[in-house]
């Protein structure tokens, strides 16, 4: 993962954290590991950064869709 990609990942994680303020960072990462890799115990350990970014982007889209439906 390039430095630019890592910066995007961190930015998107920050965005997701702001939309889920009651969730601790560890919970957020663990939940994204389930999105990226499933419920296997090794998911969080084996998840690649690009998989994490894809999971975060998916989750942000889901949350945005909910906001549109409510509005």
PDB file of N, CA and C in Angstrom:
ATOM      1  N   UNK A   1       0.854  -1.164   0.000  1.00  0.00           N
ATOM      2  CA  UNK A   1       0.000   0.000   0.000  1.00  0.00           C
ATOM      3  C   UNK A   1       0.899   1.226   0.000  1.00  0.00           C
ATOM      4  N   UNK A   2       0.601   2.154  -0.883  1.00  0.00           N
ATOM      5  CA  UNK A   2       1.401   3.376  -0.978  1.00  0.00           C
ATOM      6  C   UNK A   2       1.053   4.326   0.162  1.00  0.00           C
ATOM      7  N   UNK A   3       1.894   5.327   0.336  1.00  0.00           N
ATOM      8  CA  UNK A   3       1.642   6.322   1.384  1.00  0.00           C
ATOM      9  C   UNK A   3       0.314   7.046   1.130  1.00  0.00           C
ATOM     10  N   UNK A   4       0.020   7.325  -0.140  1.00  0.00           N
ATOM     11  CA  UNK A   4      -1.245   7.984  -0.475  1.00  0.00           C
ATOM     12  C   UNK A   4      -2.446   7.108  -0.142  1.00  0.00           C
ATOM     13  N   UNK A   5      -2.315   5.811  -0.429  1.00  0.00           N
ATOM     14  CA  UNK A   5      -3.389   4.880  -0.102  1.00  0.00           C
ATOM     15  C   UNK A   5      -3.579   4.779   1.411  1.00  0.00           C
ATOM     16  N   UNK A   6      -2.473   4.740   2.136  1.00  0.00           N
ATOM     17  CA  UNK A   6      -2.550   4.654   3.595  1.00  0.00           C
ATOM     18  C   UNK A   6      -3.185   5.925   4.160  1.00  0.00           C
ATOM     19  N   UNK A   7      -2.864   7.079   3.582  1.00  0.00           N
ATOM     20  CA  UNK A   7      -3.482   8.327   4.030  1.00  0.00           C
ATOM     21  C   UNK A   7      -4.986   8.296   3.783  1.00  0.00           C
ATOM     22  N   UNK A   8      -5.394   7.749   2.638  1.00  0.00           N
ATOM     23  CA  UNK A   8      -6.823   7.634   2.361  1.00  0.00           C
ATOM     24  C   UNK A   8      -7.489   6.693   3.361  1.00  0.00           C
ATOM     25  N   UNK A   9      -6.850   5.580   3.661  1.00  0.00           N
ATOM     26  CA  UNK A   9      -7.394   4.643   4.641  1.00  0.00           C
ATOM     27  C   UNK A   9      -7.586   5.328   5.986  1.00  0.00           C
ATOM     28  N   UNK A  10      -6.589   6.035   6.441  1.00  0.00           N
ATOM     29  CA  UNK A  10      -6.685   6.716   7.734  1.00  0.00           C
ATOM     30  C   UNK A  10      -7.769   7.791   7.713  1.00  0.00           C
ATOM     31  N   UNK A  11      -7.875   8.507   6.609  1.00  0.00           N
ATOM     32  CA  UNK A  11      -8.900   9.539   6.469  1.00  0.00           C
ATOM     33  C   UNK A  11     -10.302   8.921   6.507  1.00  0.00           C
ATOM     34  N   UNK A  12     -10.470   7.820   5.789  1.00  0.00           N
ATOM     35  CA  UNK A  12     -11.775   7.153   5.759  1.00  0.00           C
ATOM     36  C   UNK A  12     -12.110   6.535   7.099  1.00  0.00           C
ATOM     37  N   UNK A  13     -11.119   5.995   7.804  1.00  0.00           N
ATOM     38  CA  UNK A  13     -11.362   5.482   9.155  1.00  0.00           C
ATOM     39  C   UNK A  13     -11.802   6.605  10.086  1.00  0.00           C
ATOM     40  N   UNK A  14     -11.190   7.756   9.944  1.00  0.00           N
ATOM     41  CA  UNK A  14     -11.568   8.915  10.744  1.00  0.00           C
ATOM     42  C   UNK A  14     -13.002   9.335  10.443  1.00  0.00           C
ATOM     43  N   UNK A  15     -13.349   9.321   9.167  1.00  0.00           N
ATOM     44  CA  UNK A  15     -14.709   9.653   8.755  1.00  0.00           C
ATOM     45  C   UNK A  15     -15.707   8.660   9.354  1.00  0.00           C
ATOM     46  N   UNK A  16     -15.376   7.382   9.280  1.00  0.00           N
ATOM     47  CA  UNK A  16     -16.252   6.357   9.839  1.00  0.00           C
ATOM     48  C   UNK A  16     -16.359   6.505  11.351  1.00  0.00           C
ATOM     49  N   UNK A  17     -15.259   6.793  12.007  1.00  0.00           N
ATOM     50  CA  UNK A  17     -15.259   6.995  13.455  1.00  0.00           C
ATOM     51  C   UNK A  17     -16.183   8.157  13.835  1.00  0.00           C
ATOM     52  N   UNK A  18     -16.187   9.213  13.043  1.00  0.00           N
ATOM     53  CA  UNK A  18     -17.043  10.357  13.362  1.00  0.00           C
ATOM     54  C   UNK A  18     -18.524  10.023  13.166  1.00  0.00           C
ATOM     55  N   UNK A  19     -18.823   9.071  12.276  1.00  0.00           N
ATOM     56  CA  UNK A  19     -20.215   8.656  12.083  1.00  0.00           C
ATOM     57  C   UNK A  19     -20.665   7.632  13.121  1.00  0.00           C
ATOM     58  N   UNK A  20     -19.708   7.033  13.809  1.00  0.00           N
ATOM     59  CA  UNK A  20     -19.995   6.022  14.839  1.00  0.00           C
ATOM     60  C   UNK A  20     -19.261   6.410  16.125  1.00  0.00           C
ATOM     61  N   UNK A  21     -19.611   7.543  16.731  1.00  0.00           N
ATOM     62  CA  UNK A  21     -18.812   8.064  17.854  1.00  0.00           C
ATOM     63  C   UNK A  21     -18.829   7.192  19.107  1.00  0.00           C
ATOM     64  N   UNK A  22     -19.817   6.326  19.250  1.00  0.00           N
ATOM     65  CA  UNK A  22     -19.881   5.477  20.438  1.00  0.00           C
ATOM     66  C   UNK A  22     -19.040   4.213  20.313  1.00  0.00           C
ATOM     67  N   UNK A  23     -18.500   3.977  19.135  1.00  0.00           N
ATOM     68  CA  UNK A  23     -17.715   2.768  18.896  1.00  0.00           C
ATOM     69  C   UNK A  23     -16.237   3.062  19.120  1.00  0.00           C
ATOM     70  N   UNK A  24     -15.600   2.216  19.916  1.00  0.00           N
ATOM     71  CA  UNK A  24     -14.161   2.363  20.130  1.00  0.00           C
ATOM     72  C   UNK A  24     -13.418   1.970  18.852  1.00  0.00           C
ATOM     73  N   UNK A  25     -12.212   2.466  18.683  1.00  0.00           N
ATOM     74  CA  UNK A  25     -11.437   2.198  17.476  1.00  0.00           C
ATOM     75  C   UNK A  25     -11.209   0.698  17.287  1.00  0.00           C
ATOM     76  N   UNK A  26     -10.901  -0.019  18.342  1.00  0.00           N
ATOM     77  CA  UNK A  26     -10.701  -1.463  18.238  1.00  0.00           C
ATOM     78  C   UNK A  26     -11.957  -2.172  17.754  1.00  0.00           C
ATOM     79  N   UNK A  27     -13.109  -1.746  18.260  1.00  0.00           N
ATOM     80  CA  UNK A  27     -14.378  -2.321  17.806  1.00  0.00           C
ATOM     81  C   UNK A  27     -14.584  -2.038  16.328  1.00  0.00           C
ATOM     82  N   UNK A  28     -14.289  -0.834  15.925  1.00  0.00           N
ATOM     83  CA  UNK A  28     -14.454  -0.430  14.534  1.00  0.00           C
ATOM     84  C   UNK A  28     -13.581  -1.289  13.613  1.00  0.00           C
ATOM     85  N   UNK A  29     -12.335  -1.472  13.982  1.00  0.00           N
ATOM     86  CA  UNK A  29     -11.421  -2.285  13.176  1.00  0.00           C
ATOM     87  C   UNK A  29     -11.885  -3.739  13.154  1.00  0.00           C
ATOM     88  N   UNK A  30     -12.290  -4.262  14.289  1.00  0.00           N
ATOM     89  CA  UNK A  30     -12.773  -5.647  14.339  1.00  0.00           C
ATOM     90  C   UNK A  30     -14.012  -5.823  13.475  1.00  0.00           C
ATOM     91  N   UNK A  31     -14.922  -4.879  13.528  1.00  0.00           N
ATOM     92  CA  UNK A  31     -16.120  -4.958  12.697  1.00  0.00           C
ATOM     93  C   UNK A  31     -15.775  -4.901  11.213  1.00  0.00           C
ATOM     94  N   UNK A  32     -14.816  -4.070  10.853  1.00  0.00           N
ATOM     95  CA  UNK A  32     -14.420  -3.977   9.450  1.00  0.00           C
ATOM     96  C   UNK A  32     -13.702  -5.251   8.995  1.00  0.00           C
ATOM     97  N   UNK A  33     -13.010  -5.922   9.916  1.00  0.00           N
ATOM     98  CA  UNK A  33     -12.392  -7.204   9.584  1.00  0.00           C
ATOM     99  C   UNK A  33     -13.454  -8.235   9.239  1.00  0.00           C
ATOM    100  N   UNK A  34     -14.574  -8.208   9.960  1.00  0.00           N
ATOM    101  CA  UNK A  34     -15.679  -9.121   9.657  1.00  0.00           C
ATOM    102  C   UNK A  34     -16.260  -8.793   8.282  1.00  0.00           C
ATOM    103  N   UNK A  35     -16.416  -7.522   7.978  1.00  0.00           N
ATOM    104  CA  UNK A  35     -16.913  -7.121   6.659  1.00  0.00           C
ATOM    105  C   UNK A  35     -15.943  -7.594   5.574  1.00  0.00           C
ATOM    106  N   UNK A  36     -14.657  -7.414   5.809  1.00  0.00           N
ATOM    107  CA  UNK A  36     -13.642  -7.735   4.802  1.00  0.00           C
ATOM    108  C   UNK A  36     -13.400  -9.229   4.646  1.00  0.00           C
ATOM    109  N   UNK A  37     -13.379  -9.959   5.773  1.00  0.00           N
ATOM    110  CA  UNK A  37     -12.914 -11.339   5.738  1.00  0.00           C
ATOM    111  C   UNK A  37     -13.887 -12.363   6.311  1.00  0.00           C
ATOM    112  N   UNK A  38     -14.957 -11.903   6.937  1.00  0.00           N
ATOM    113  CA  UNK A  38     -15.891 -12.846   7.555  1.00  0.00           C
ATOM    114  C   UNK A  38     -15.599 -13.023   9.035  1.00  0.00           C
ATOM    115  N   UNK A  39     -16.255 -13.998   9.627  1.00  0.00           N
ATOM    116  CA  UNK A  39     -16.207 -14.164  11.079  1.00  0.00           C
ATOM    117  C   UNK A  39     -15.123 -15.113  11.576  1.00  0.00           C
ATOM    118  N   UNK A  40     -14.239 -15.537  10.706  1.00  0.00           N
ATOM    119  CA  UNK A  40     -13.139 -16.401  11.140  1.00  0.00           C
ATOM    120  C   UNK A  40     -12.272 -15.648  12.156  1.00  0.00           C
ATOM    121  N   UNK A  41     -11.830 -16.336  13.209  1.00  0.00           N
ATOM    122  CA  UNK A  41     -10.987 -15.665  14.210  1.00  0.00           C
ATOM    123  C   UNK A  41      -9.741 -15.008  13.623  1.00  0.00           C
ATOM    124  N   UNK A  42      -9.235 -15.531  12.525  1.00  0.00           N
ATOM    125  CA  UNK A  42      -8.014 -14.982  11.931  1.00  0.00           C
ATOM    126  C   UNK A  42      -8.269 -13.768  11.037  1.00  0.00           C
ATOM    127  N   UNK A  43      -9.533 -13.378  10.868  1.00  0.00           N
ATOM    128  CA  UNK A  43      -9.866 -12.306   9.921  1.00  0.00           C
ATOM    129  C   UNK A  43      -9.109 -11.020  10.218  1.00  0.00           C
ATOM    130  N   UNK A  44      -9.081 -10.614  11.464  1.00  0.00           N
ATOM    131  CA  UNK A  44      -8.436  -9.336  11.789  1.00  0.00           C
ATOM    132  C   UNK A  44      -6.921  -9.415  11.584  1.00  0.00           C
ATOM    133  N   UNK A  45      -6.337 -10.569  11.819  1.00  0.00           N
ATOM    134  CA  UNK A  45      -4.894 -10.734  11.680  1.00  0.00           C
ATOM    135  C   UNK A  45      -4.481 -10.780  10.210  1.00  0.00           C
ATOM    136  N   UNK A  46      -5.297 -11.425   9.381  1.00  0.00           N
ATOM    137  CA  UNK A  46      -4.939 -11.655   7.982  1.00  0.00           C
ATOM    138  C   UNK A  46      -5.423 -10.568   7.020  1.00  0.00           C
ATOM    139  N   UNK A  47      -6.276  -9.675   7.487  1.00  0.00           N
ATOM    140  CA  UNK A  47      -6.835  -8.642   6.630  1.00  0.00           C
ATOM    141  C   UNK A  47      -5.729  -7.722   6.103  1.00  0.00           C
ATOM    142  N   UNK A  48      -5.723  -7.509   4.803  1.00  0.00           N
ATOM    143  CA  UNK A  48      -4.768  -6.593   4.175  1.00  0.00           C
ATOM    144  C   UNK A  48      -5.335  -5.169   4.236  1.00  0.00           C
ATOM    145  N   UNK A  49      -4.457  -4.189   4.129  1.00  0.00           N
ATOM    146  CA  UNK A  49      -4.891  -2.793   4.191  1.00  0.00           C
ATOM    147  C   UNK A  49      -5.906  -2.451   3.101  1.00  0.00           C
ATOM    148  N   UNK A  50      -5.693  -2.985   1.895  1.00  0.00           N
ATOM    149  CA  UNK A  50      -6.639  -2.683   0.825  1.00  0.00           C
ATOM    150  C   UNK A  50      -8.008  -3.311   1.093  1.00  0.00           C
ATOM    151  N   UNK A  51      -8.036  -4.446   1.766  1.00  0.00           N
ATOM    152  CA  UNK A  51      -9.311  -5.056   2.159  1.00  0.00           C
ATOM    153  C   UNK A  51     -10.001  -4.213   3.226  1.00  0.00           C
ATOM    154  N   UNK A  52      -9.213  -3.683   4.146  1.00  0.00           N
ATOM    155  CA  UNK A  52      -9.765  -2.805   5.172  1.00  0.00           C
ATOM    156  C   UNK A  52     -10.349  -1.552   4.529  1.00  0.00           C
ATOM    157  N   UNK A  53      -9.630  -0.967   3.593  1.00  0.00           N
ATOM    158  CA  UNK A  53     -10.122   0.228   2.912  1.00  0.00           C
ATOM    159  C   UNK A  53     -11.428  -0.071   2.176  1.00  0.00           C
ATOM    160  N   UNK A  54     -11.492  -1.182   1.480  1.00  0.00           N
ATOM    161  CA  UNK A  54     -12.720  -1.556   0.767  1.00  0.00           C
ATOM    162  C   UNK A  54     -13.879  -1.747   1.746  1.00  0.00           C
ATOM    163  N   UNK A  55     -13.613  -2.374   2.888  1.00  0.00           N
ATOM    164  CA  UNK A  55     -14.656  -2.580   3.896  1.00  0.00           C
ATOM    165  C   UNK A  55     -15.137  -1.247   4.461  1.00  0.00           C
ATOM    166  N   UNK A  56     -14.212  -0.351   4.739  1.00  0.00           N
ATOM    167  CA  UNK A  56     -14.571   0.969   5.276  1.00  0.00           C
ATOM    168  C   UNK A  56     -15.398   1.742   4.246  1.00  0.00           C
ATOM    169  N   UNK A  57     -14.973   1.700   2.997  1.00  0.00           N
ATOM    170  CA  UNK A  57     -15.727   2.397   1.948  1.00  0.00           C
ATOM    171  C   UNK A  57     -17.142   1.830   1.836  1.00  0.00           C
ATOM    172  N   UNK A  58     -17.278   0.501   1.895  1.00  0.00           N
ATOM    173  CA  UNK A  58     -18.601  -0.138   1.849  1.00  0.00           C
ATOM    174  C   UNK A  58     -19.450   0.332   3.017  1.00  0.00           C
ATOM    175  N   UNK A  59     -18.856   0.350   4.213  1.00  0.00           N
ATOM    176  CA  UNK A  59     -19.610   0.762   5.397  1.00  0.00           C
ATOM    177  C   UNK A  59     -20.036   2.220   5.296  1.00  0.00           C
ATOM    178  N   UNK A  60     -19.168   3.078   4.798  1.00  0.00           N
ATOM    179  CA  UNK A  60     -19.537   4.485   4.620  1.00  0.00           C
ATOM    180  C   UNK A  60     -20.697   4.625   3.637  1.00  0.00           C
ATOM    181  N   UNK A  61     -20.679   3.841   2.566  1.00  0.00           N
ATOM    182  CA  UNK A  61     -21.789   3.866   1.602  1.00  0.00           C
ATOM    183  C   UNK A  61     -23.085   3.424   2.264  1.00  0.00           C
ATOM    184  N   UNK A  62     -23.014   2.387   3.097  1.00  0.00           N
ATOM    185  CA  UNK A  62     -24.206   1.902   3.793  1.00  0.00           C
ATOM    186  C   UNK A  62     -24.769   2.969   4.727  1.00  0.00           C
ATOM    187  N   UNK A  63     -23.904   3.624   5.458  1.00  0.00           N
ATOM    188  CA  UNK A  63     -24.346   4.668   6.379  1.00  0.00           C
ATOM    189  C   UNK A  63     -24.913   5.860   5.624  1.00  0.00           C
ATOM    190  N   UNK A  64     -24.305   6.199   4.506  1.00  0.00           N
ATOM    191  CA  UNK A  64     -24.807   7.314   3.684  1.00  0.00           C
ATOM    192  C   UNK A  64     -26.189   6.962   3.146  1.00  0.00           C
ATOM    193  N   UNK A  65     -26.381   5.733   2.713  1.00  0.00           N
ATOM    194  CA  UNK A  65     -27.683   5.297   2.217  1.00  0.00           C
ATOM    195  C   UNK A  65     -28.768   5.418   3.277  1.00  0.00           C
ATOM    196  N   UNK A  66     -28.416   5.123   4.507  1.00  0.00           N
ATOM    197  CA  UNK A  66     -29.388   5.254   5.612  1.00  0.00           C
ATOM    198  C   UNK A  66     -29.749   6.723   5.858  1.00  0.00           C
ATOM    199  N   UNK A  67     -28.726   7.592   5.755  1.00  0.00           N
ATOM    200  CA  UNK A  67     -29.005   9.011   5.977  1.00  0.00           C
ATOM    201  C   UNK A  67     -29.924   9.553   4.888  1.00  0.00           C
ATOM    202  N   UNK A  68     -29.738   9.105   3.661  1.00  0.00           N
ATOM    203  CA  UNK A  68     -30.584   9.558   2.556  1.00  0.00           C
ATOM    204  C   UNK A  68     -32.016   9.070   2.755  1.00  0.00           C
ATOM    205  N   UNK A  69     -32.171   7.810   3.197  1.00  0.00           N
ATOM    206  CA  UNK A  69     -33.509   7.251   3.409  1.00  0.00           C
ATOM    207  C   UNK A  69     -34.249   7.984   4.512  1.00  0.00           C
ATOM    208  N   UNK A  70     -33.549   8.408   5.552  1.00  0.00           N
ATOM    209  CA  UNK A  70     -34.166   9.095   6.683  1.00  0.00           C
ATOM    210  C   UNK A  70     -34.549  10.521   6.310  1.00  0.00           C
ATOM    211  N   UNK A  71     -33.748  11.155   5.491  1.00  0.00           N
ATOM    212  CA  UNK A  71     -33.958  12.567   5.147  1.00  0.00           C
ATOM    213  C   UNK A  71     -35.129  12.781   4.244  1.00  0.00           C
TER     214      UNK A  71
END
